[in-house]
Amino acid sequence: MKGFFRSIAATFGFCTILPVGYDSDFDYYARRYYLMPLVGYFIGCTAAGVSIILQSTSFAAAASIAVIMILYGFNHLDGLLDFGDGLMAHGSREKRILALTDRNVGAGGVGLAMIVILLTYSGLSSVAAMPATLIAAELCAKFSQVAMIAFGKPLREGIHSYVRSSGKSYYVIPALLLCLPLVFLPFSFRELSAMGVALIISWLFVYFAATRLFGGVNGDVDGAAGEITRMAVIAALALAV
């Protein structure tokens, strides 16, 4: 039981800027990375609180997105930028991988990040239930990342390959169970269906793009999966009216 709680702390330490043991307990996160939806609850509820305080205005949407990115330490956004550079790179697979792993940010990364942030903001400003949407979107984003780790063939040795080797592919099942309480949020069956479809399509896009263009998945792709899934789920809820 002590190891389980250490895994929870390590998961928060790895995924967020909270000082709860990332450096010393990384192995505990890797062994139970299916706990990532718990981070989704925390981040989503925190952002939802911001939106409630600011009365779910367009400014609340921008402030909520800012809070989410700050709490993640902009790590997932960094992955999105690198993923965008790899997508837009021309030439061989080796050149795309170089663009993906290069520390410099190019036009592809900036462009993709702008699209994702703008669509996230626009969709969040349009939904009827902003607090619930923030919670649901974060849960879906974290589940998407768990699934990417579980099924994404490692591009090379790194954080993704280590975490994947430390866990099991069936970790998507307990991760999904952790996300199930979102059905009790104030969404219609149509909206829940739209969320499910958006989650699946966004995950498949990132997975097949990474597999085809790079030959595998790394930590940047994992982060990009979360950012793109959040955007897709929010957009789907905005359209499911």
C-alpha atoms as a PDB file:
ATOM      1  CA  MET A   1       0.000   0.000   0.000  1.00  0.00           C
ATOM      2  CA  LYS A   2       2.875   2.361   0.768  1.00  0.00           C
ATOM      3  CA  GLY A   3       4.257   1.737  -2.723  1.00  0.00           C
ATOM      4  CA  PHE A   4       0.863   2.579  -4.242  1.00  0.00           C
ATOM      5  CA  PHE A   5       0.730   5.968  -2.549  1.00  0.00           C
ATOM      6  CA  ARG A   6       4.333   6.623  -3.529  1.00  0.00           C
ATOM      7  CA  SER A   7       3.293   5.910  -7.111  1.00  0.00           C
ATOM      8  CA  ILE A   8       0.517   8.480  -6.833  1.00  0.00           C
ATOM      9  CA  ALA A   9       2.962  11.078  -5.516  1.00  0.00           C
ATOM     10  CA  ALA A  10       5.520  10.193  -8.186  1.00  0.00           C
ATOM     11  CA  THR A  11       2.892  10.468 -10.934  1.00  0.00           C
ATOM     12  CA  PHE A  12       2.009  13.977  -9.788  1.00  0.00           C
ATOM     13  CA  GLY A  13       5.682  14.805  -9.476  1.00  0.00           C
ATOM     14  CA  PHE A  14       6.448  13.679 -13.006  1.00  0.00           C
ATOM     15  CA  CYS A  15       3.398  15.158 -14.726  1.00  0.00           C
ATOM     16  CA  THR A  16       3.118  18.465 -12.880  1.00  0.00           C
ATOM     17  CA  ILE A  17       5.253  21.145 -11.263  1.00  0.00           C
ATOM     18  CA  LEU A  18       4.171  19.990  -7.802  1.00  0.00           C
ATOM     19  CA  PRO A  19       7.256  19.106  -5.686  1.00  0.00           C
ATOM     20  CA  VAL A  20       6.180  15.599  -4.673  1.00  0.00           C
ATOM     21  CA  GLY A  21       9.075  13.309  -5.494  1.00  0.00           C
ATOM     22  CA  TYR A  22       9.755  13.113  -9.244  1.00  0.00           C
ATOM     23  CA  ASP A  23      13.527  12.856  -8.931  1.00  0.00           C
ATOM     24  CA  SER A  24      13.609  10.134  -6.279  1.00  0.00           C
ATOM     25  CA  ASP A  25      10.480   8.146  -7.139  1.00  0.00           C
ATOM     26  CA  PHE A  26      10.368   8.055 -10.936  1.00  0.00           C
ATOM     27  CA  ASP A  27      10.350   4.255 -10.884  1.00  0.00           C
ATOM     28  CA  TYR A  28       7.154   4.314  -8.860  1.00  0.00           C
ATOM     29  CA  TYR A  29       5.490   6.384 -11.579  1.00  0.00           C
ATOM     30  CA  ALA A  30       6.715   4.059 -14.316  1.00  0.00           C
ATOM     31  CA  ARG A  31       5.379   0.982 -12.536  1.00  0.00           C
ATOM     32  CA  ARG A  32       1.872   2.423 -12.270  1.00  0.00           C
ATOM     33  CA  TYR A  33       1.539   4.980 -15.025  1.00  0.00           C
ATOM     34  CA  TYR A  34      -2.146   4.036 -15.315  1.00  0.00           C
ATOM     35  CA  LEU A  35      -2.653   6.455 -12.396  1.00  0.00           C
ATOM     36  CA  MET A  36      -2.255   9.440 -14.719  1.00  0.00           C
ATOM     37  CA  PRO A  37      -6.032  10.125 -14.831  1.00  0.00           C
ATOM     38  CA  LEU A  38      -5.726  11.150 -11.168  1.00  0.00           C
ATOM     39  CA  VAL A  39      -3.594  14.031 -12.392  1.00  0.00           C
ATOM     40  CA  GLY A  40      -6.361  14.779 -14.879  1.00  0.00           C
ATOM     41  CA  TYR A  41      -8.849  15.119 -12.030  1.00  0.00           C
ATOM     42  CA  PHE A  42      -6.576  17.500 -10.142  1.00  0.00           C
ATOM     43  CA  ILE A  43      -5.668  19.670 -13.121  1.00  0.00           C
ATOM     44  CA  GLY A  44      -9.211  19.616 -14.485  1.00  0.00           C
ATOM     45  CA  CYS A  45     -10.803  20.520 -11.156  1.00  0.00           C
ATOM     46  CA  THR A  46      -8.288  23.295 -10.567  1.00  0.00           C
ATOM     47  CA  ALA A  47      -8.991  24.781 -14.005  1.00  0.00           C
ATOM     48  CA  ALA A  48     -12.724  24.303 -13.428  1.00  0.00           C
ATOM     49  CA  GLY A  49     -12.416  26.281 -10.190  1.00  0.00           C
ATOM     50  CA  VAL A  50     -10.767  29.107 -12.102  1.00  0.00           C
ATOM     51  CA  SER A  51     -13.588  29.111 -14.653  1.00  0.00           C
ATOM     52  CA  ILE A  52     -16.214  29.213 -11.900  1.00  0.00           C
ATOM     53  CA  ILE A  53     -14.519  32.132 -10.148  1.00  0.00           C
ATOM     54  CA  LEU A  54     -14.330  34.024 -13.445  1.00  0.00           C
ATOM     55  CA  GLN A  55     -17.928  33.062 -14.276  1.00  0.00           C
ATOM     56  CA  SER A  56     -17.163  30.987 -17.381  1.00  0.00           C
ATOM     57  CA  THR A  57     -16.433  33.984 -19.581  1.00  0.00           C
ATOM     58  CA  SER A  58     -14.102  34.046 -22.569  1.00  0.00           C
ATOM     59  CA  PHE A  59     -11.440  35.362 -20.211  1.00  0.00           C
ATOM     60  CA  ALA A  60     -12.123  32.388 -17.955  1.00  0.00           C
ATOM     61  CA  ALA A  61     -11.403  30.105 -20.900  1.00  0.00           C
ATOM     62  CA  ALA A  62      -8.031  31.747 -21.509  1.00  0.00           C
ATOM     63  CA  ALA A  63      -7.161  31.781 -17.804  1.00  0.00           C
ATOM     64  CA  SER A  64      -8.128  28.115 -17.408  1.00  0.00           C
ATOM     65  CA  ILE A  65      -5.915  27.086 -20.316  1.00  0.00           C
ATOM     66  CA  ALA A  66      -3.062  29.126 -18.835  1.00  0.00           C
ATOM     67  CA  VAL A  67      -3.473  27.412 -15.459  1.00  0.00           C
ATOM     68  CA  ILE A  68      -3.423  23.984 -17.106  1.00  0.00           C
ATOM     69  CA  MET A  69      -0.235  24.705 -19.017  1.00  0.00           C
ATOM     70  CA  ILE A  70       1.497  26.228 -15.994  1.00  0.00           C
ATOM     71  CA  LEU A  71       0.639  23.293 -13.743  1.00  0.00           C
ATOM     72  CA  TYR A  72       2.082  20.930 -16.351  1.00  0.00           C
ATOM     73  CA  GLY A  73       5.208  23.069 -16.515  1.00  0.00           C
ATOM     74  CA  PHE A  74       4.606  23.492 -20.274  1.00  0.00           C
ATOM     75  CA  ASN A  75       6.100  20.000 -20.735  1.00  0.00           C
ATOM     76  CA  HIS A  76       3.268  18.653 -22.859  1.00  0.00           C
ATOM     77  CA  LEU A  77       3.238  21.849 -24.905  1.00  0.00           C
ATOM     78  CA  ASP A  78       6.935  21.286 -25.559  1.00  0.00           C
ATOM     79  CA  GLY A  79       6.083  17.817 -26.850  1.00  0.00           C
ATOM     80  CA  LEU A  80       3.427  19.312 -29.106  1.00  0.00           C
ATOM     81  CA  LEU A  81       5.947  21.778 -30.546  1.00  0.00           C
ATOM     82  CA  ASP A  82       8.433  18.998 -31.301  1.00  0.00           C
ATOM     83  CA  PHE A  83       5.698  16.807 -32.773  1.00  0.00           C
ATOM     84  CA  GLY A  84       4.639  19.652 -35.051  1.00  0.00           C
ATOM     85  CA  ASP A  85       8.204  20.143 -36.254  1.00  0.00           C
ATOM     86  CA  GLY A  86       8.453  16.445 -37.073  1.00  0.00           C
ATOM     87  CA  LEU A  87       5.126  16.456 -38.916  1.00  0.00           C
ATOM     88  CA  MET A  88       6.050  19.414 -41.093  1.00  0.00           C
ATOM     89  CA  ALA A  89       9.638  18.391 -41.825  1.00  0.00           C
ATOM     90  CA  HIS A  90      10.393  17.464 -45.438  1.00  0.00           C
ATOM     91  CA  GLY A  91      12.563  14.631 -46.598  1.00  0.00           C
ATOM     92  CA  SER A  92      13.498  11.245 -45.185  1.00  0.00           C
ATOM     93  CA  ARG A  93      12.386   9.655 -41.942  1.00  0.00           C
ATOM     94  CA  GLU A  94      15.762  10.517 -40.453  1.00  0.00           C
ATOM     95  CA  LYS A  95      15.175  14.225 -41.129  1.00  0.00           C
ATOM     96  CA  ARG A  96      11.741  14.027 -39.527  1.00  0.00           C
ATOM     97  CA  ILE A  97      13.170  12.306 -36.465  1.00  0.00           C
ATOM     98  CA  LEU A  98      15.861  14.974 -36.247  1.00  0.00           C
ATOM     99  CA  ALA A  99      13.190  17.687 -36.359  1.00  0.00           C
ATOM    100  CA  LEU A 100      11.205  15.825 -33.686  1.00  0.00           C
ATOM    101  CA  THR A 101      14.147  15.467 -31.316  1.00  0.00           C
ATOM    102  CA  ASP A 102      15.955  18.737 -32.076  1.00  0.00           C
ATOM    103  CA  ARG A 103      15.816  21.286 -29.244  1.00  0.00           C
ATOM    104  CA  ASN A 104      15.130  24.125 -31.678  1.00  0.00           C
ATOM    105  CA  VAL A 105      11.530  25.025 -32.475  1.00  0.00           C
ATOM    106  CA  GLY A 106      10.532  25.512 -36.097  1.00  0.00           C
ATOM    107  CA  ALA A 107       7.525  26.843 -37.957  1.00  0.00           C
ATOM    108  CA  GLY A 108       5.798  23.466 -37.894  1.00  0.00           C
ATOM    109  CA  GLY A 109       5.835  23.325 -34.120  1.00  0.00           C
ATOM    110  CA  VAL A 110       4.708  26.919 -33.681  1.00  0.00           C
ATOM    111  CA  GLY A 111       1.964  26.480 -36.260  1.00  0.00           C
ATOM    112  CA  LEU A 112       0.575  23.288 -34.718  1.00  0.00           C
ATOM    113  CA  ALA A 113       0.699  24.766 -31.216  1.00  0.00           C
ATOM    114  CA  MET A 114      -1.179  27.865 -32.398  1.00  0.00           C
ATOM    115  CA  ILE A 115      -3.867  25.741 -34.029  1.00  0.00           C
ATOM    116  CA  VAL A 116      -4.322  23.552 -30.963  1.00  0.00           C
ATOM    117  CA  ILE A 117      -4.403  26.467 -28.508  1.00  0.00           C
ATOM    118  CA  LEU A 118      -6.759  28.554 -30.648  1.00  0.00           C
ATOM    119  CA  LEU A 119      -9.191  25.668 -31.167  1.00  0.00           C
ATOM    120  CA  THR A 120      -9.022  24.810 -27.463  1.00  0.00           C
ATOM    121  CA  TYR A 121      -9.778  28.399 -26.491  1.00  0.00           C
ATOM    122  CA  SER A 122     -12.507  28.830 -29.101  1.00  0.00           C
ATOM    123  CA  GLY A 123     -14.192  25.562 -28.156  1.00  0.00           C
ATOM    124  CA  LEU A 124     -13.967  26.223 -24.428  1.00  0.00           C
ATOM    125  CA  SER A 125     -15.489  29.674 -24.907  1.00  0.00           C
ATOM    126  CA  SER A 126     -18.425  28.077 -26.734  1.00  0.00           C
ATOM    127  CA  VAL A 127     -19.417  25.235 -24.403  1.00  0.00           C
ATOM    128  CA  ALA A 128     -22.358  25.513 -22.056  1.00  0.00           C
ATOM    129  CA  ALA A 129     -20.698  23.769 -19.106  1.00  0.00           C
ATOM    130  CA  MET A 130     -17.118  25.036 -18.995  1.00  0.00           C
ATOM    131  CA  PRO A 131     -16.136  23.570 -15.599  1.00  0.00           C
ATOM    132  CA  ALA A 132     -17.361  20.076 -16.485  1.00  0.00           C
ATOM    133  CA  THR A 133     -15.764  20.330 -19.916  1.00  0.00           C
ATOM    134  CA  LEU A 134     -12.372  21.135 -18.397  1.00  0.00           C
ATOM    135  CA  ILE A 135     -12.529  18.099 -16.121  1.00  0.00           C
ATOM    136  CA  ALA A 136     -13.678  15.756 -18.882  1.00  0.00           C
ATOM    137  CA  ALA A 137     -11.082  17.035 -21.350  1.00  0.00           C
ATOM    138  CA  GLU A 138      -8.230  16.511 -18.892  1.00  0.00           C
ATOM    139  CA  LEU A 139      -9.367  12.974 -18.102  1.00  0.00           C
ATOM    140  CA  CYS A 140      -9.508  12.150 -21.807  1.00  0.00           C
ATOM    141  CA  ALA A 141      -6.108  13.741 -22.360  1.00  0.00           C
ATOM    142  CA  LYS A 142      -4.526  11.645 -19.619  1.00  0.00           C
ATOM    143  CA  PHE A 143      -6.163   8.458 -20.857  1.00  0.00           C
ATOM    144  CA  SER A 144      -4.834   9.226 -24.327  1.00  0.00           C
ATOM    145  CA  GLN A 145      -1.322   9.475 -22.916  1.00  0.00           C
ATOM    146  CA  VAL A 146      -1.661   6.209 -21.013  1.00  0.00           C
ATOM    147  CA  ALA A 147      -2.816   4.485 -24.199  1.00  0.00           C
ATOM    148  CA  MET A 148       0.062   6.005 -26.161  1.00  0.00           C
ATOM    149  CA  ILE A 149       2.571   4.683 -23.645  1.00  0.00           C
ATOM    150  CA  ALA A 150       0.911   1.270 -23.558  1.00  0.00           C
ATOM    151  CA  PHE A 151       0.715   0.729 -27.326  1.00  0.00           C
ATOM    152  CA  GLY A 152       3.278   3.094 -28.848  1.00  0.00           C
ATOM    153  CA  LYS A 153       6.362   1.294 -30.124  1.00  0.00           C
ATOM    154  CA  PRO A 154       9.397   3.155 -28.718  1.00  0.00           C
ATOM    155  CA  LEU A 155      11.278   5.220 -31.249  1.00  0.00           C
ATOM    156  CA  ARG A 156      14.493   4.915 -29.251  1.00  0.00           C
ATOM    157  CA  GLU A 157      15.638   4.554 -25.662  1.00  0.00           C
ATOM    158  CA  GLY A 158      14.290   7.294 -23.442  1.00  0.00           C
ATOM    159  CA  ILE A 159      11.548   8.130 -20.981  1.00  0.00           C
ATOM    160  CA  HIS A 160       8.801   6.634 -23.151  1.00  0.00           C
ATOM    161  CA  SER A 161      10.594   3.327 -23.672  1.00  0.00           C
ATOM    162  CA  TYR A 162      11.519   3.052 -19.986  1.00  0.00           C
ATOM    163  CA  VAL A 163       8.001   3.763 -18.726  1.00  0.00           C
ATOM    164  CA  ARG A 164       6.488   1.409 -21.297  1.00  0.00           C
ATOM    165  CA  SER A 165       8.847  -1.416 -20.353  1.00  0.00           C
ATOM    166  CA  SER A 166       8.059  -0.919 -16.668  1.00  0.00           C
ATOM    167  CA  GLY A 167       4.312  -1.369 -17.135  1.00  0.00           C
ATOM    168  CA  LYS A 168       1.858  -3.470 -19.078  1.00  0.00           C
ATOM    169  CA  SER A 169      -0.328  -2.832 -22.107  1.00  0.00           C
ATOM    170  CA  TYR A 170      -3.421  -3.729 -20.082  1.00  0.00           C
ATOM    171  CA  TYR A 171      -2.825  -0.606 -17.986  1.00  0.00           C
ATOM    172  CA  VAL A 172      -5.343   1.069 -20.284  1.00  0.00           C
ATOM    173  CA  ILE A 173      -8.061  -0.881 -18.440  1.00  0.00           C
ATOM    174  CA  PRO A 174      -7.488   0.537 -14.920  1.00  0.00           C
ATOM    175  CA  ALA A 175      -6.882   3.937 -16.534  1.00  0.00           C
ATOM    176  CA  LEU A 176     -10.255   3.703 -18.246  1.00  0.00           C
ATOM    177  CA  LEU A 177     -11.928   2.668 -14.992  1.00  0.00           C
ATOM    178  CA  LEU A 178     -10.448   5.733 -13.300  1.00  0.00           C
ATOM    179  CA  CYS A 179     -12.012   7.895 -16.032  1.00  0.00           C
ATOM    180  CA  LEU A 180     -15.501   6.376 -15.848  1.00  0.00           C
ATOM    181  CA  PRO A 181     -16.834   8.822 -13.215  1.00  0.00           C
ATOM    182  CA  LEU A 182     -16.917  11.458 -15.954  1.00  0.00           C
ATOM    183  CA  VAL A 183     -20.242   9.909 -17.068  1.00  0.00           C
ATOM    184  CA  PHE A 184     -21.748  11.524 -13.965  1.00  0.00           C
ATOM    185  CA  LEU A 185     -20.826  14.992 -15.208  1.00  0.00           C
ATOM    186  CA  PRO A 186     -23.703  17.042 -16.698  1.00  0.00           C
ATOM    187  CA  PHE A 187     -23.386  15.760 -20.268  1.00  0.00           C
ATOM    188  CA  SER A 188     -26.007  14.228 -22.521  1.00  0.00           C
ATOM    189  CA  PHE A 189     -25.512  10.872 -24.207  1.00  0.00           C
ATOM    190  CA  ARG A 190     -24.801  12.742 -27.430  1.00  0.00           C
ATOM    191  CA  GLU A 191     -22.067  14.789 -25.765  1.00  0.00           C
ATOM    192  CA  LEU A 192     -20.525  11.732 -24.124  1.00  0.00           C
ATOM    193  CA  SER A 193     -20.524   9.983 -27.497  1.00  0.00           C
ATOM    194  CA  ALA A 194     -18.903  13.011 -29.125  1.00  0.00           C
ATOM    195  CA  MET A 195     -16.176  12.945 -26.459  1.00  0.00           C
ATOM    196  CA  GLY A 196     -15.536   9.260 -27.077  1.00  0.00           C
ATOM    197  CA  VAL A 197     -15.289   9.706 -30.829  1.00  0.00           C
ATOM    198  CA  ALA A 198     -12.990  12.733 -30.456  1.00  0.00           C
ATOM    199  CA  LEU A 199     -10.729  10.811 -28.082  1.00  0.00           C
ATOM    200  CA  ILE A 200     -10.425   7.843 -30.427  1.00  0.00           C
ATOM    201  CA  ILE A 201      -9.868   9.899 -33.586  1.00  0.00           C
ATOM    202  CA  SER A 202      -7.284  12.209 -32.002  1.00  0.00           C
ATOM    203  CA  TRP A 203      -5.379   9.282 -30.491  1.00  0.00           C
ATOM    204  CA  LEU A 204      -5.377   7.369 -33.768  1.00  0.00           C
ATOM    205  CA  PHE A 205      -4.147  10.453 -35.621  1.00  0.00           C
ATOM    206  CA  VAL A 206      -1.171  10.937 -33.326  1.00  0.00           C
ATOM    207  CA  TYR A 207      -0.381   7.223 -33.132  1.00  0.00           C
ATOM    208  CA  PHE A 208      -0.440   6.531 -36.863  1.00  0.00           C
ATOM    209  CA  ALA A 209       1.298   9.805 -37.729  1.00  0.00           C
ATOM    210  CA  ALA A 210       4.134   8.983 -35.337  1.00  0.00           C
ATOM    211  CA  THR A 211       4.361   5.358 -36.444  1.00  0.00           C
ATOM    212  CA  ARG A 212       4.339   6.160 -40.142  1.00  0.00           C
ATOM    213  CA  LEU A 213       6.503   9.277 -40.143  1.00  0.00           C
ATOM    214  CA  PHE A 214       8.963   8.526 -37.333  1.00  0.00           C
ATOM    215  CA  GLY A 215       8.761   4.763 -36.992  1.00  0.00           C
ATOM    216  CA  GLY A 216       7.745   4.936 -33.346  1.00  0.00           C
ATOM    217  CA  VAL A 217       6.755   6.996 -30.339  1.00  0.00           C
ATOM    218  CA  ASN A 218       8.788   8.992 -27.826  1.00  0.00           C
ATOM    219  CA  GLY A 219       8.001  11.235 -24.876  1.00  0.00           C
ATOM    220  CA  ASP A 220       7.266  14.201 -27.142  1.00  0.00           C
ATOM    221  CA  VAL A 221       4.589  12.205 -28.935  1.00  0.00           C
ATOM    222  CA  ASP A 222       3.080  11.201 -25.587  1.00  0.00           C
ATOM    223  CA  GLY A 223       2.820  14.856 -24.609  1.00  0.00           C
ATOM    224  CA  ALA A 224       1.407  15.848 -27.986  1.00  0.00           C
ATOM    225  CA  ALA A 225      -1.258  13.152 -27.670  1.00  0.00           C
ATOM    226  CA  GLY A 226      -2.547  14.765 -24.488  1.00  0.00           C
ATOM    227  CA  GLU A 227      -2.617  18.272 -25.930  1.00  0.00           C
ATOM    228  CA  ILE A 228      -4.338  17.228 -29.151  1.00  0.00           C
ATOM    229  CA  THR A 229      -6.861  15.017 -27.363  1.00  0.00           C
ATOM    230  CA  ARG A 230      -7.813  17.828 -24.978  1.00  0.00           C
ATOM    231  CA  MET A 231      -8.404  20.131 -27.936  1.00  0.00           C
ATOM    232  CA  ALA A 232     -10.411  17.482 -29.823  1.00  0.00           C
ATOM    233  CA  VAL A 233     -12.662  16.697 -26.861  1.00  0.00           C
ATOM    234  CA  ILE A 234     -13.372  20.366 -26.149  1.00  0.00           C
ATOM    235  CA  ALA A 235     -14.074  21.006 -29.840  1.00  0.00           C
ATOM    236  CA  ALA A 236     -16.397  18.013 -29.970  1.00  0.00           C
ATOM    237  CA  LEU A 237     -18.376  19.253 -26.972  1.00  0.00           C
ATOM    238  CA  ALA A 238     -18.609  22.717 -28.507  1.00  0.00           C
ATOM    239  CA  LEU A 239     -20.037  21.220 -31.700  1.00  0.00           C
ATOM    240  CA  ALA A 240     -22.355  18.720 -30.013  1.00  0.00           C
ATOM    241  CA  VAL A 241     -25.136  21.212 -29.404  1.00  0.00           C
END
